[in-house]
Structures are given as structure tokens and as C-alpha cells.
Amino acid sequence: MTVQRFDQEMIAEMRAQAEASPRRRAHKNIHSDYQQPVQRLFVSMLPDSYVRPHRHSQPTKWEFFLVIDGMLELLFFDEQGELTERIALSPNSDCFGVEIPPNTWHATVCHAPVTFVEVKQGPYEISDDKDFAQWAPAENTDEVPAFLAELKLLRPGERMSTLAQQA
């Protein structure tokens, strides 16, 4: 096994990959395979990337985020989609990382490009990795741009007005 280096060139390459990606984000896995007990990856994300609100319902599936460049906002919700907390993470602020416990509804948004480290319990199984919120639109649907724009402005205690219109 060789020492892996992570540098500014890697961040620039990931940012270029995110710009070319339809999902407007890019991942660089540090773990060698999805069966490892700890999954470690870098993520570069652009402001128009949509991460559908979700939770990891398995009792051991926590998630850890550490921002290394830019600013990421983590949004936490109750079962009905009401925003309960909003945390801004930045390497130059008081809070630069969080660990999210299992079974916690959350999403991420950014207002400028961001790169962060994500660590989570493995192994990774795509079929049961996450439960998506039924009150949030699926990726690549017509509702996503308006929903994402509203997510970026939502404050604790509020629910999405676009959701209220759908209900």
C-alpha cells in the first residue's frame, strides 16, 4: 500500500469533473472497494447540484462531513419535511465538520463551489444506502430547480411552499 496524497491539484481536477457532470458534482473514493467497513471520499459540488433529502435508516449508518474548500450547508428535517436545523460548514468558520447520526433526514446545498470529505460506515450497498424523502422531488425532474432554489432560502420552522402546493 502506498501513501495517498490529497492536494490542490486534486481539488481542481474534481471541480472540472463536477462542471462536466450532469449531476454537477464529482466524487473521489479513497477506499479501495465498496465492501470496506469505512467508506471515505472527497466530493466537489457546484451550486446547481441537487442532493435529494434522505436518511440512512440502518442503525449503524452515520455520516461524517468535513469541508476543506468553500462552504457547505447541511439541512436537517423532521418526518414531514419541516426544516429543524441548518448548519454552515467552512474551513474558516467556527464549524467545519459534523457527524450525522443514523435515521436523520438531511440534505446539502451550496451557494458556491465546495469540496468536502465524507466518511461513512460501510459496506456500501446501493439498494439500501438511503431512504429518499417522499416530500422531495426525485433527481432529474422538472420540480428540482424550484425546489433547490427554495431549499437554499428555507429557515428552521419552515416547510417548502412548493410542497404545500403539491399536498
C-alpha atoms as a PDB file:
ATOM      1  CA  MET A   1       0.000   0.000   0.000  1.00  0.00           C
ATOM      2  CA  THR A   2       1.315   3.431  -0.898  1.00  0.00           C
ATOM      3  CA  VAL A   3       0.685   6.747   0.798  1.00  0.00           C
ATOM      4  CA  GLN A   4      -2.139   8.640  -0.885  1.00  0.00           C
ATOM      5  CA  ARG A   5      -1.700  12.398  -1.262  1.00  0.00           C
ATOM      6  CA  PHE A   6      -4.550  14.863  -1.477  1.00  0.00           C
ATOM      7  CA  ASP A   7      -3.707  18.312  -2.797  1.00  0.00           C
ATOM      8  CA  GLN A   8      -4.982  21.414  -4.552  1.00  0.00           C
ATOM      9  CA  GLU A   9      -4.455  19.801  -7.958  1.00  0.00           C
ATOM     10  CA  MET A  10      -6.867  17.018  -6.967  1.00  0.00           C
ATOM     11  CA  ILE A  11      -9.453  19.624  -5.916  1.00  0.00           C
ATOM     12  CA  ALA A  12      -9.057  21.452  -9.248  1.00  0.00           C
ATOM     13  CA  GLU A  13      -9.477  18.184 -11.169  1.00  0.00           C
ATOM     14  CA  MET A  14     -12.575  17.281  -9.170  1.00  0.00           C
ATOM     15  CA  ARG A  15     -14.062  20.731  -9.738  1.00  0.00           C
ATOM     16  CA  ALA A  16     -13.560  20.291 -13.503  1.00  0.00           C
ATOM     17  CA  GLN A  17     -15.222  16.859 -13.305  1.00  0.00           C
ATOM     18  CA  ALA A  18     -18.168  18.372 -11.408  1.00  0.00           C
ATOM     19  CA  GLU A  19     -18.548  21.070 -14.072  1.00  0.00           C
ATOM     20  CA  ALA A  20     -18.705  18.378 -16.757  1.00  0.00           C
ATOM     21  CA  SER A  21     -21.099  16.145 -14.811  1.00  0.00           C
ATOM     22  CA  PRO A  22     -24.885  16.255 -15.330  1.00  0.00           C
ATOM     23  CA  ARG A  23     -25.245  15.881 -11.522  1.00  0.00           C
ATOM     24  CA  ARG A  24     -22.903  18.877 -11.043  1.00  0.00           C
ATOM     25  CA  ARG A  25     -20.741  17.038  -8.519  1.00  0.00           C
ATOM     26  CA  ALA A  26     -17.822  14.637  -8.547  1.00  0.00           C
ATOM     27  CA  HIS A  27     -16.557  12.005  -6.108  1.00  0.00           C
ATOM     28  CA  LYS A  28     -13.101  10.615  -5.478  1.00  0.00           C
ATOM     29  CA  ASN A  29     -13.204   7.433  -3.442  1.00  0.00           C
ATOM     30  CA  ILE A  30     -10.310   6.849  -1.087  1.00  0.00           C
ATOM     31  CA  HIS A  31     -11.490   3.375  -0.066  1.00  0.00           C
ATOM     32  CA  SER A  32     -10.431   0.626  -2.463  1.00  0.00           C
ATOM     33  CA  ASP A  33     -13.822  -1.086  -2.703  1.00  0.00           C
ATOM     34  CA  TYR A  34     -17.417  -0.775  -1.540  1.00  0.00           C
ATOM     35  CA  GLN A  35     -17.073  -3.699   0.889  1.00  0.00           C
ATOM     36  CA  GLN A  36     -14.650  -1.863   3.185  1.00  0.00           C
ATOM     37  CA  PRO A  37     -16.055  -1.184   6.667  1.00  0.00           C
ATOM     38  CA  VAL A  38     -15.365   2.550   6.362  1.00  0.00           C
ATOM     39  CA  GLN A  39     -16.149   4.456   3.161  1.00  0.00           C
ATOM     40  CA  ARG A  40     -14.006   7.597   2.629  1.00  0.00           C
ATOM     41  CA  LEU A  41     -14.411  10.018  -0.242  1.00  0.00           C
ATOM     42  CA  PHE A  42     -13.924  13.578  -1.402  1.00  0.00           C
ATOM     43  CA  VAL A  43     -16.881  15.353  -3.017  1.00  0.00           C
ATOM     44  CA  SER A  44     -16.787  18.513  -5.126  1.00  0.00           C
ATOM     45  CA  MET A  45     -20.196  20.079  -5.587  1.00  0.00           C
ATOM     46  CA  LEU A  46     -21.480  23.061  -7.558  1.00  0.00           C
ATOM     47  CA  PRO A  47     -24.381  25.335  -6.535  1.00  0.00           C
ATOM     48  CA  ASP A  48     -26.815  23.784  -9.026  1.00  0.00           C
ATOM     49  CA  SER A  49     -26.232  20.237  -7.746  1.00  0.00           C
ATOM     50  CA  TYR A  50     -29.332  18.721  -6.146  1.00  0.00           C
ATOM     51  CA  VAL A  51     -28.956  16.283  -3.275  1.00  0.00           C
ATOM     52  CA  ARG A  52     -32.424  14.929  -2.568  1.00  0.00           C
ATOM     53  CA  PRO A  53     -33.258  14.970   1.156  1.00  0.00           C
ATOM     54  CA  HIS A  54     -32.658  11.494   2.552  1.00  0.00           C
ATOM     55  CA  ARG A  55     -31.763   9.478   5.630  1.00  0.00           C
ATOM     56  CA  HIS A  56     -29.693   6.402   6.353  1.00  0.00           C
ATOM     57  CA  SER A  57     -32.109   4.282   8.363  1.00  0.00           C
ATOM     58  CA  GLN A  58     -29.747   1.443   9.246  1.00  0.00           C
ATOM     59  CA  PRO A  59     -28.787   1.823  12.939  1.00  0.00           C
ATOM     60  CA  THR A  60     -25.030   1.861  12.227  1.00  0.00           C
ATOM     61  CA  LYS A  61     -25.038   4.205   9.208  1.00  0.00           C
ATOM     62  CA  TRP A  62     -23.717   7.535  10.498  1.00  0.00           C
ATOM     63  CA  GLU A  63     -22.147  10.111   8.162  1.00  0.00           C
ATOM     64  CA  PHE A  64     -19.258  12.500   8.767  1.00  0.00           C
ATOM     65  CA  PHE A  65     -18.644  15.692   6.727  1.00  0.00           C
ATOM     66  CA  LEU A  66     -15.529  17.894   6.824  1.00  0.00           C
ATOM     67  CA  VAL A  67     -15.324  20.903   4.480  1.00  0.00           C
ATOM     68  CA  ILE A  68     -11.872  21.616   3.086  1.00  0.00           C
ATOM     69  CA  ASP A  69     -12.673  24.279   0.472  1.00  0.00           C
ATOM     70  CA  GLY A  70     -15.682  26.576   0.138  1.00  0.00           C
ATOM     71  CA  MET A  71     -18.854  26.393   2.227  1.00  0.00           C
ATOM     72  CA  LEU A  72     -21.484  23.676   2.550  1.00  0.00           C
ATOM     73  CA  GLU A  73     -24.838  23.973   4.256  1.00  0.00           C
ATOM     74  CA  LEU A  74     -26.374  20.912   5.879  1.00  0.00           C
ATOM     75  CA  LEU A  75     -30.137  20.995   6.266  1.00  0.00           C
ATOM     76  CA  PHE A  76     -31.965  18.767   8.745  1.00  0.00           C
ATOM     77  CA  PHE A  77     -35.677  17.950   8.568  1.00  0.00           C
ATOM     78  CA  ASP A  78     -38.416  16.251  10.546  1.00  0.00           C
ATOM     79  CA  GLU A  79     -40.573  13.462   9.079  1.00  0.00           C
ATOM     80  CA  GLN A  80     -42.955  15.940   7.410  1.00  0.00           C
ATOM     81  CA  GLY A  81     -40.216  17.976   5.748  1.00  0.00           C
ATOM     82  CA  GLU A  82     -40.042  20.897   8.172  1.00  0.00           C
ATOM     83  CA  LEU A  83     -36.525  22.310   8.441  1.00  0.00           C
ATOM     84  CA  THR A  84     -35.327  21.780  12.017  1.00  0.00           C
ATOM     85  CA  GLU A  85     -31.719  22.966  11.719  1.00  0.00           C
ATOM     86  CA  ARG A  86     -29.344  24.499   9.205  1.00  0.00           C
ATOM     87  CA  ILE A  87     -25.570  24.288   9.729  1.00  0.00           C
ATOM     88  CA  ALA A  88     -22.992  26.108   7.580  1.00  0.00           C
ATOM     89  CA  LEU A  89     -19.610  24.376   7.355  1.00  0.00           C
ATOM     90  CA  SER A  90     -16.441  26.101   6.188  1.00  0.00           C
ATOM     91  CA  PRO A  91     -12.746  25.567   6.922  1.00  0.00           C
ATOM     92  CA  ASN A  92     -12.532  29.227   8.003  1.00  0.00           C
ATOM     93  CA  SER A  93     -15.515  29.254  10.372  1.00  0.00           C
ATOM     94  CA  ASP A  94     -16.244  28.008  13.862  1.00  0.00           C
ATOM     95  CA  CYS A  95     -17.874  24.860  12.445  1.00  0.00           C
ATOM     96  CA  PHE A  96     -16.027  22.964   9.724  1.00  0.00           C
ATOM     97  CA  GLY A  97     -17.412  19.456  10.228  1.00  0.00           C
ATOM     98  CA  VAL A  98     -20.294  17.415  11.607  1.00  0.00           C
ATOM     99  CA  GLU A  99     -21.263  13.827  12.214  1.00  0.00           C
ATOM    100  CA  ILE A 100     -24.858  12.966  11.354  1.00  0.00           C
ATOM    101  CA  PRO A 101     -26.450  10.153  13.354  1.00  0.00           C
ATOM    102  CA  PRO A 102     -28.389   7.357  11.644  1.00  0.00           C
ATOM    103  CA  ASN A 103     -32.026   7.918  10.692  1.00  0.00           C
ATOM    104  CA  THR A 104     -31.661  11.706  10.358  1.00  0.00           C
ATOM    105  CA  TRP A 105     -33.342  13.427   7.388  1.00  0.00           C
ATOM    106  CA  HIS A 106     -30.798  15.714   5.725  1.00  0.00           C
ATOM    107  CA  ALA A 107     -29.678  17.356   2.502  1.00  0.00           C
ATOM    108  CA  THR A 108     -26.773  19.526   1.376  1.00  0.00           C
ATOM    109  CA  VAL A 109     -26.726  22.793  -0.556  1.00  0.00           C
ATOM    110  CA  CYS A 110     -24.024  25.236  -1.536  1.00  0.00           C
ATOM    111  CA  HIS A 111     -24.009  28.773  -2.946  1.00  0.00           C
ATOM    112  CA  ALA A 112     -20.524  28.500  -4.475  1.00  0.00           C
ATOM    113  CA  PRO A 113     -18.321  25.519  -5.366  1.00  0.00           C
ATOM    114  CA  VAL A 114     -17.363  23.403  -2.355  1.00  0.00           C
ATOM    115  CA  THR A 115     -15.148  20.391  -1.684  1.00  0.00           C
ATOM    116  CA  PHE A 116     -15.623  18.228   1.374  1.00  0.00           C
ATOM    117  CA  VAL A 117     -14.617  14.887   2.849  1.00  0.00           C
ATOM    118  CA  GLU A 118     -17.361  12.383   3.567  1.00  0.00           C
ATOM    119  CA  VAL A 119     -16.828   9.350   5.771  1.00  0.00           C
ATOM    120  CA  LYS A 120     -19.496   6.752   6.443  1.00  0.00           C
ATOM    121  CA  GLN A 121     -19.936   3.241   7.694  1.00  0.00           C
ATOM    122  CA  GLY A 122     -19.549   0.513   5.069  1.00  0.00           C
ATOM    123  CA  PRO A 123     -20.045  -1.662   3.317  1.00  0.00           C
ATOM    124  CA  TYR A 124     -21.874   0.389   0.703  1.00  0.00           C
ATOM    125  CA  GLU A 125     -24.974  -1.286  -0.726  1.00  0.00           C
ATOM    126  CA  ILE A 126     -26.772   0.876  -3.286  1.00  0.00           C
ATOM    127  CA  SER A 127     -30.095  -0.925  -2.703  1.00  0.00           C
ATOM    128  CA  ASP A 128     -30.341   0.088   0.975  1.00  0.00           C
ATOM    129  CA  ASP A 129     -27.927   3.006   1.318  1.00  0.00           C
ATOM    130  CA  LYS A 130     -30.587   5.658   1.821  1.00  0.00           C
ATOM    131  CA  ASP A 131     -34.281   6.358   2.067  1.00  0.00           C
ATOM    132  CA  PHE A 132     -35.374   9.351  -0.013  1.00  0.00           C
ATOM    133  CA  ALA A 133     -37.907  11.817   1.370  1.00  0.00           C
ATOM    134  CA  GLN A 134     -41.273  11.382  -0.319  1.00  0.00           C
ATOM    135  CA  TRP A 135     -41.885  15.119   0.157  1.00  0.00           C
ATOM    136  CA  ALA A 136     -38.918  15.989  -2.095  1.00  0.00           C
ATOM    137  CA  PRO A 137     -38.737  15.606  -5.883  1.00  0.00           C
ATOM    138  CA  ALA A 138     -36.571  12.915  -7.419  1.00  0.00           C
ATOM    139  CA  GLU A 139     -33.394  13.932  -9.235  1.00  0.00           C
ATOM    140  CA  ASN A 140     -33.761  14.985 -12.878  1.00  0.00           C
ATOM    141  CA  THR A 141     -37.416  16.008 -12.589  1.00  0.00           C
ATOM    142  CA  ASP A 142     -38.949  19.319 -13.620  1.00  0.00           C
ATOM    143  CA  GLU A 143     -39.601  20.294  -9.985  1.00  0.00           C
ATOM    144  CA  VAL A 144     -35.934  20.219  -8.941  1.00  0.00           C
ATOM    145  CA  PRO A 145     -34.793  23.766  -9.897  1.00  0.00           C
ATOM    146  CA  ALA A 146     -37.587  25.484  -7.928  1.00  0.00           C
ATOM    147  CA  PHE A 147     -37.213  23.058  -5.020  1.00  0.00           C
ATOM    148  CA  LEU A 148     -33.431  23.610  -4.845  1.00  0.00           C
ATOM    149  CA  ALA A 149     -33.834  27.389  -5.003  1.00  0.00           C
ATOM    150  CA  GLU A 150     -36.294  27.243  -2.119  1.00  0.00           C
ATOM    151  CA  LEU A 151     -34.071  24.868  -0.107  1.00  0.00           C
ATOM    152  CA  LYS A 152     -31.326  27.474  -0.221  1.00  0.00           C
ATOM    153  CA  LEU A 153     -33.613  30.048   1.441  1.00  0.00           C
ATOM    154  CA  LEU A 154     -35.550  27.820   3.861  1.00  0.00           C
ATOM    155  CA  ARG A 155     -35.242  28.673   7.570  1.00  0.00           C
ATOM    156  CA  PRO A 156     -35.806  26.440  10.615  1.00  0.00           C
ATOM    157  CA  GLY A 157     -39.504  26.033  11.338  1.00  0.00           C
ATOM    158  CA  GLU A 158     -40.473  26.423   7.666  1.00  0.00           C
ATOM    159  CA  ARG A 159     -41.683  23.872   5.156  1.00  0.00           C
ATOM    160  CA  MET A 160     -41.304  24.101   1.425  1.00  0.00           C
ATOM    161  CA  SER A 161     -44.110  26.128  -0.169  1.00  0.00           C
ATOM    162  CA  THR A 162     -43.710  24.094  -3.361  1.00  0.00           C
ATOM    163  CA  LEU A 163     -44.510  21.025  -1.265  1.00  0.00           C
ATOM    164  CA  ALA A 164     -47.556  22.672   0.257  1.00  0.00           C
ATOM    165  CA  GLN A 165     -48.859  23.304  -3.254  1.00  0.00           C
ATOM    166  CA  GLN A 166     -48.375  19.622  -4.156  1.00  0.00           C
ATOM    167  CA  ALA A 167     -50.064  18.318  -0.975  1.00  0.00           C
END
